[in-house]
C-alpha atoms as a PDB file:
ATOM      1  CA  VAL A   1       6.565   2.817  -7.925  1.00  0.00           C
ATOM      2  CA  LYS A   2       2.751   3.058  -7.855  1.00  0.00           C
ATOM      3  CA  CYS A   3       0.782   0.654 -10.057  1.00  0.00           C
ATOM      4  CA  SER A   4      -2.910  -0.036 -10.512  1.00  0.00           C
ATOM      5  CA  SER A   5      -2.632  -3.805 -11.016  1.00  0.00           C
ATOM      6  CA  ALA A   6      -0.353  -6.724 -10.224  1.00  0.00           C
ATOM      7  CA  ASP A   7       0.270  -7.273 -13.942  1.00  0.00           C
ATOM      8  CA  LYS A   8       1.439  -3.678 -14.414  1.00  0.00           C
ATOM      9  CA  ALA A   9       3.697  -4.017 -11.364  1.00  0.00           C
ATOM     10  CA  LEU A  10       5.857  -6.606 -13.108  1.00  0.00           C
ATOM     11  CA  VAL A  11       7.425  -3.940 -15.361  1.00  0.00           C
ATOM     12  CA  PRO A  12       8.966  -1.753 -12.616  1.00  0.00           C
ATOM     13  CA  ALA A  13       9.819  -4.850 -10.584  1.00  0.00           C
ATOM     14  CA  GLY A  14      11.707  -6.253 -13.561  1.00  0.00           C
ATOM     15  CA  ALA A  15      13.492  -2.921 -13.989  1.00  0.00           C
ATOM     16  CA  GLY A  16      14.833  -3.066 -10.439  1.00  0.00           C
ATOM     17  CA  ALA A  17      12.247  -1.247  -8.305  1.00  0.00           C
ATOM     18  CA  ASP A  18      12.764  -2.023  -4.616  1.00  0.00           C
ATOM     19  CA  ILE A  19       9.051  -1.920  -3.772  1.00  0.00           C
ATOM     20  CA  VAL A  20       5.843  -1.589  -5.771  1.00  0.00           C
ATOM     21  CA  LEU A  21       2.767   0.177  -4.349  1.00  0.00           C
ATOM     22  CA  LEU A  22      -0.462  -1.400  -5.555  1.00  0.00           C
ATOM     23  CA  ASP A  23      -3.479   0.889  -5.285  1.00  0.00           C
ATOM     24  CA  ASN A  24      -6.878  -0.757  -4.690  1.00  0.00           C
ATOM     25  CA  LEU A  25      -5.365  -4.230  -4.709  1.00  0.00           C
ATOM     26  CA  ALA A  26      -7.724  -7.169  -4.300  1.00  0.00           C
ATOM     27  CA  PRO A  27      -7.057  -9.262  -1.177  1.00  0.00           C
ATOM     28  CA  ARG A  28      -4.962 -12.372  -1.757  1.00  0.00           C
ATOM     29  CA  CYS A  29      -3.913 -11.217  -5.216  1.00  0.00           C
ATOM     30  CA  PRO A  30      -0.927 -13.355  -6.353  1.00  0.00           C
ATOM     31  CA  LEU A  31       2.250 -11.272  -6.108  1.00  0.00           C
ATOM     32  CA  GLN A  32       4.993 -13.888  -5.994  1.00  0.00           C
ATOM     33  CA  ASP A  33       7.046 -12.203  -8.757  1.00  0.00           C
ATOM     34  CA  LEU A  34       7.449  -8.888  -6.910  1.00  0.00           C
ATOM     35  CA  PRO A  35      10.468  -8.107  -4.701  1.00  0.00           C
ATOM     36  CA  ALA A  36       8.272  -6.220  -2.215  1.00  0.00           C
ATOM     37  CA  ALA A  37       4.668  -5.059  -2.400  1.00  0.00           C
ATOM     38  CA  GLU A  38       2.728  -2.335  -0.575  1.00  0.00           C
ATOM     39  CA  ALA A  39      -1.075  -2.435  -0.599  1.00  0.00           C
ATOM     40  CA  CYS A  40      -3.150   0.726  -0.229  1.00  0.00           C
ATOM     41  CA  GLY A  41      -6.529   2.127  -1.152  1.00  0.00           C
ATOM     42  CA  GLY A  42      -9.763   1.140   0.519  1.00  0.00           C
ATOM     43  CA  ILE A  43      -8.145  -0.927   3.259  1.00  0.00           C
ATOM     44  CA  VAL A  44      -9.854  -0.484   6.636  1.00  0.00           C
ATOM     45  CA  LEU A  45      -9.308  -2.190   9.976  1.00  0.00           C
ATOM     46  CA  GLY A  46     -12.035  -4.739   9.217  1.00  0.00           C
ATOM     47  CA  SER A  47     -10.460  -5.824   5.920  1.00  0.00           C
ATOM     48  CA  LEU A  48      -6.842  -5.700   7.120  1.00  0.00           C
ATOM     49  CA  PRO A  49      -6.582  -9.455   7.924  1.00  0.00           C
ATOM     50  CA  GLN A  50      -7.316 -10.243   4.268  1.00  0.00           C
ATOM     51  CA  PHE A  51      -4.122  -8.421   3.251  1.00  0.00           C
ATOM     52  CA  LEU A  52      -1.802 -10.005   5.818  1.00  0.00           C
ATOM     53  CA  GLY A  53       0.558 -12.705   4.636  1.00  0.00           C
ATOM     54  CA  PRO A  54       3.797 -13.278   2.756  1.00  0.00           C
ATOM     55  CA  HIS A  55       2.522 -11.649  -0.452  1.00  0.00           C
ATOM     56  CA  ILE A  56       2.182  -8.131   1.062  1.00  0.00           C
ATOM     57  CA  HIS A  57       5.129  -6.502   2.824  1.00  0.00           C
ATOM     58  CA  VAL A  58       3.599  -3.102   3.713  1.00  0.00           C
ATOM     59  CA  VAL A  59      -0.013  -1.961   4.200  1.00  0.00           C
ATOM     60  CA  SER A  60      -1.009   1.721   4.078  1.00  0.00           C
ATOM     61  CA  MET A  61      -4.338   2.714   5.597  1.00  0.00           C
ATOM     62  CA  ALA A  62      -5.574   6.297   5.367  1.00  0.00           C
ATOM     63  CA  CYS A  63      -8.332   5.493   7.867  1.00  0.00           C
ATOM     64  CA  LEU A  64      -5.689   5.793  10.594  1.00  0.00           C
ATOM     65  CA  THR A  65      -5.272   9.525   9.955  1.00  0.00           C
ATOM     66  CA  HIS A  66      -8.647  10.606   8.533  1.00  0.00           C
ATOM     67  CA  GLY A  67     -10.260  10.869  11.962  1.00  0.00           C
ATOM     68  CA  ALA A  68      -7.261  12.352  13.761  1.00  0.00           C
ATOM     69  CA  PRO A  69      -7.854  15.798  15.244  1.00  0.00           C
ATOM     70  CA  SER A  70      -5.796  18.685  13.919  1.00  0.00           C
ATOM     71  CA  LEU A  71      -3.370  20.699  16.007  1.00  0.00           C
ATOM     72  CA  ASP A  72      -3.602  24.480  15.836  1.00  0.00           C
ATOM     73  CA  PHE A  73      -0.130  25.992  16.001  1.00  0.00           C
ATOM     74  CA  ALA A  74       1.825  28.940  14.617  1.00  0.00           C
ATOM     75  CA  LEU A  75       5.493  29.441  13.889  1.00  0.00           C
ATOM     76  CA  GLN A  76       7.122  32.838  14.187  1.00  0.00           C
ATOM     77  CA  VAL A  77      10.416  33.358  12.405  1.00  0.00           C
END
């Protein structure tokens, strides 16, 4: 379940969500009441250490794929 704040994440967590995705989460935001939390949005390699710890279980970083070259291929059926 995607949420925009830690406070809003308590609702799906209380309803039984396995993991809550927090978009644009502030580093070191208290998340002790969540079963599992994924942080995403604006996280780059330089800021990654700020999100590491027991409060975040998964980190998603789009910067890993934004600079990846594309592959030109075709599929004939």
